[in-house]
Amino acid sequence: MKKNFGKQTYLYPMPVLIIATYDENGNPDAMNAAWGGIHDTNQIGICLDKSHKTTKNIAARRAFTVSIADAAHVKECDYFGIVSGNTEPDKIKKAGFTVTKSEFVDAPVLNELPMVLECEVAQMSDDSDYIVGNIINVSADEAVLTDGKIDASKLKPICYDPVAHNYNVLGEAVGKAFSDGKALR
């Protein structure tokens, strides 16, 4: 028997996304966002409250990067979610991270996180907290590749558990997509 929990924002997995932007003076900022994912082909959607410095930066620059938080950087990625760029202008440096300007969009790439999506704004309105970005480029460190492809077991992406407020590692393969179900035909 199932237990009812009512209206909740419970969903698994909830990726931990680190959104990086430049402010009006060219200073980099980063924040932790769990409410996001693929929106459409070559697009990502993220839900960011208007009070975030990141949201203001995205509106001004029309670009952002989305790094995938990983198990090796849980402390730093959590820090990006508990400290506001509105009150701490040097969050990235305090976390011990460095940035490189994206080759593709007007936003910083966090060097320490091994996978990043570089995005330009496709949709953003004043009356919604939802931002859609066109994915212009995806890059990943060679260390998380196997046979030239991103390997989740090497990347060790983390997801947010909205019930227990934990970060969990993803990566163990339990089946083969578009294949295992054929046995039921």
Protein backbone atom coordinates (compact mmCIF):
# COMPACT_ATOMS: atom_id res chain seq x y z
CA MET A 1 0.00 0.00 0.00
CA LYS A 2 1.24 3.49 -0.80
CA LYS A 3 1.31 6.36 1.67
CA ASN A 4 0.09 9.80 0.50
CA PHE A 5 2.28 12.84 1.11
CA GLY A 6 0.13 15.51 -0.53
CA LYS A 7 1.60 18.24 -2.70
CA GLN A 8 5.37 18.09 -2.39
CA THR A 9 8.38 18.87 -4.54
CA TYR A 10 9.58 15.27 -4.32
CA LEU A 11 11.22 13.88 -7.44
CA TYR A 12 14.12 11.51 -7.96
CA PRO A 13 16.72 12.12 -9.15
CA MET A 14 16.98 15.87 -8.64
CA PRO A 15 20.30 16.89 -10.21
CA VAL A 16 22.51 19.34 -8.36
CA LEU A 17 23.29 22.04 -10.90
CA ILE A 18 25.83 24.79 -10.32
CA ILE A 19 24.82 27.85 -12.32
CA ALA A 20 27.67 30.28 -13.07
CA THR A 21 27.33 33.82 -14.44
CA TYR A 22 29.15 37.11 -14.73
CA ASP A 23 27.72 40.20 -13.07
CA GLU A 24 27.58 43.69 -14.57
CA ASN A 25 31.26 44.25 -13.66
CA GLY A 26 32.48 40.94 -15.08
CA ASN A 27 32.84 39.26 -11.68
CA PRO A 28 31.96 35.55 -11.65
CA ASP A 29 29.23 34.15 -9.39
CA ALA A 30 27.88 30.64 -8.85
CA MET A 31 24.83 29.15 -7.18
CA ASN A 32 23.48 25.68 -6.42
CA ALA A 33 20.13 24.87 -8.04
CA ALA A 34 18.28 21.56 -7.77
CA TRP A 35 15.17 22.52 -9.74
CA GLY A 36 16.28 22.01 -13.30
CA GLY A 37 16.73 19.57 -16.11
CA ILE A 38 16.36 19.04 -19.84
CA HIS A 39 13.55 21.23 -21.18
CA ASP A 40 13.53 20.27 -24.87
CA THR A 41 16.00 19.16 -27.51
CA ASN A 42 19.26 21.03 -26.85
CA GLN A 43 17.64 23.10 -24.08
CA ILE A 44 17.82 23.16 -20.31
CA GLY A 45 15.20 24.60 -17.97
CA ILE A 46 15.95 25.90 -14.48
CA CYS A 47 13.74 27.47 -11.86
CA LEU A 48 15.49 30.38 -10.11
CA ASP A 49 13.85 32.91 -7.82
CA LYS A 50 14.19 36.51 -8.97
CA SER A 51 15.94 37.49 -5.72
CA HIS A 52 19.08 35.54 -6.67
CA LYS A 53 22.07 37.46 -7.97
CA THR A 54 22.41 34.71 -10.57
CA THR A 55 18.95 35.45 -11.96
CA LYS A 56 19.81 39.14 -12.30
CA ASN A 57 23.11 38.26 -13.97
CA ILE A 58 21.38 35.95 -16.45
CA ALA A 59 18.87 38.67 -17.32
CA ALA A 60 21.70 41.15 -17.94
CA ARG A 61 24.16 38.90 -19.78
CA ARG A 62 21.67 36.48 -21.43
CA ALA A 63 24.12 33.62 -20.81
CA PHE A 64 25.10 31.12 -18.11
CA THR A 65 26.90 27.84 -17.58
CA VAL A 66 25.54 24.78 -15.79
CA SER A 67 28.14 22.55 -14.18
CA ILE A 68 27.19 19.14 -12.88
CA ALA A 69 27.99 18.88 -9.16
CA ASP A 70 30.05 15.82 -8.34
CA ALA A 71 30.90 13.70 -5.31
CA ALA A 72 34.44 15.10 -5.14
CA HIS A 73 33.11 18.66 -4.57
CA VAL A 74 30.05 18.20 -2.32
CA LYS A 75 31.23 20.74 0.27
CA GLU A 76 31.95 23.46 -2.30
CA CYS A 77 28.74 22.83 -4.24
CA ASP A 78 26.66 22.95 -1.05
CA TYR A 79 28.41 26.22 -0.11
CA PHE A 80 27.22 27.72 -3.42
CA GLY A 81 23.67 26.99 -2.26
CA ILE A 82 23.84 28.30 1.30
CA VAL A 83 25.67 31.58 0.68
CA SER A 84 24.12 34.32 -1.45
CA GLY A 85 26.08 36.21 -4.08
CA ASN A 86 24.06 39.25 -2.98
CA THR A 87 25.97 39.26 0.34
CA GLU A 88 29.20 37.41 -0.54
CA PRO A 89 30.69 38.74 -3.78
CA ASP A 90 33.68 36.37 -3.71
CA LYS A 91 31.89 33.00 -3.32
CA ILE A 92 33.89 31.23 -6.01
CA LYS A 93 37.26 32.19 -4.55
CA LYS A 94 36.13 31.32 -1.00
CA ALA A 95 35.12 27.88 -2.25
CA GLY A 96 38.62 27.44 -3.66
CA PHE A 97 37.36 27.34 -7.25
CA THR A 98 38.72 29.12 -10.32
CA VAL A 99 37.05 30.09 -13.60
CA THR A 100 37.82 30.34 -17.28
CA LYS A 101 35.68 32.39 -19.66
CA SER A 102 33.56 30.15 -21.85
CA GLU A 103 34.60 30.00 -25.50
CA PHE A 104 30.94 29.86 -26.52
CA VAL A 105 28.86 32.13 -24.24
CA ASP A 106 29.34 35.19 -22.01
CA ALA A 107 29.67 33.19 -18.79
CA PRO A 108 32.36 31.56 -16.64
CA VAL A 109 33.27 27.87 -16.62
CA LEU A 110 34.09 26.46 -13.18
CA ASN A 111 37.41 24.69 -13.73
CA GLU A 112 37.09 22.24 -10.84
CA LEU A 113 33.78 20.66 -11.90
CA PRO A 114 34.33 18.10 -14.67
CA MET A 115 31.22 18.64 -16.82
CA VAL A 116 29.59 21.85 -18.01
CA LEU A 117 26.76 22.98 -20.30
CA GLU A 118 27.31 26.41 -21.85
CA CYS A 119 24.00 28.15 -22.47
CA GLU A 120 22.36 31.23 -23.95
CA VAL A 121 18.95 32.40 -22.79
CA ALA A 122 16.11 31.18 -25.00
CA GLN A 123 13.22 32.23 -22.72
CA MET A 124 13.06 34.34 -19.61
CA SER A 125 10.13 36.45 -18.53
CA ASP A 126 9.49 38.95 -15.76
CA ASP A 127 6.44 37.07 -14.48
CA SER A 128 8.03 33.61 -14.13
CA ASP A 129 10.95 32.08 -12.26
CA TYR A 130 11.58 29.62 -15.11
CA ILE A 131 14.54 30.14 -17.44
CA VAL A 132 15.13 28.15 -20.61
CA GLY A 133 18.61 28.07 -22.06
CA ASN A 134 19.81 26.87 -25.44
CA ILE A 135 22.71 24.48 -24.87
CA ILE A 136 25.47 25.82 -27.11
CA ASN A 137 28.19 23.42 -25.99
CA VAL A 138 28.79 20.57 -23.54
CA SER A 139 32.33 19.84 -22.39
CA ALA A 140 33.81 17.32 -19.99
CA ASP A 141 37.25 16.65 -18.59
CA GLU A 142 39.11 13.74 -20.17
CA ALA A 143 39.25 12.14 -16.69
CA VAL A 144 35.50 11.40 -16.79
CA LEU A 145 35.47 9.91 -20.29
CA THR A 146 35.52 6.29 -21.41
CA ASP A 147 36.03 5.62 -25.11
CA GLY A 148 35.52 9.35 -25.74
CA LYS A 149 32.11 9.49 -24.03
CA ILE A 150 31.05 10.87 -20.64
CA ASP A 151 31.06 8.03 -18.12
CA ALA A 152 28.67 8.57 -15.17
CA SER A 153 30.65 6.13 -13.02
CA LYS A 154 33.71 8.38 -13.41
CA LEU A 155 31.79 11.68 -13.26
CA LYS A 156 30.01 10.66 -10.04
CA PRO A 157 27.25 13.29 -10.37
CA ILE A 158 25.28 14.00 -7.24
CA CYS A 159 21.56 14.46 -6.83
CA TYR A 160 19.57 16.12 -4.08
CA ASP A 161 17.22 14.07 -1.90
CA PRO A 162 14.40 16.54 -1.09
CA VAL A 163 13.01 14.33 1.69
CA ALA A 164 16.15 13.55 3.73
CA HIS A 165 18.08 16.66 2.54
CA ASN A 166 21.06 14.54 1.50
CA TYR A 167 23.26 14.47 -1.57
CA ASN A 168 23.45 11.05 -3.22
CA VAL A 169 25.86 9.82 -5.88
CA LEU A 170 24.57 8.58 -9.22
CA GLY A 171 26.49 6.36 -11.56
CA GLU A 172 25.84 2.64 -11.04
CA ALA A 173 24.40 1.06 -14.17
CA VAL A 174 21.47 -1.30 -13.48
CA GLY A 175 20.33 -1.91 -17.05
CA LYS A 176 20.71 -0.94 -20.70
CA ALA A 177 18.29 1.68 -22.04
CA PHE A 178 16.37 0.90 -25.24
CA SER A 179 17.44 -2.72 -24.88
CA ASP A 180 16.42 -4.49 -21.64
CA GLY A 181 12.69 -3.98 -22.24
CA LYS A 182 12.88 -5.90 -25.52
CA ALA A 183 12.77 -9.09 -23.46
CA LEU A 184 9.10 -8.33 -22.72
CA ARG A 185 8.03 -8.07 -26.35
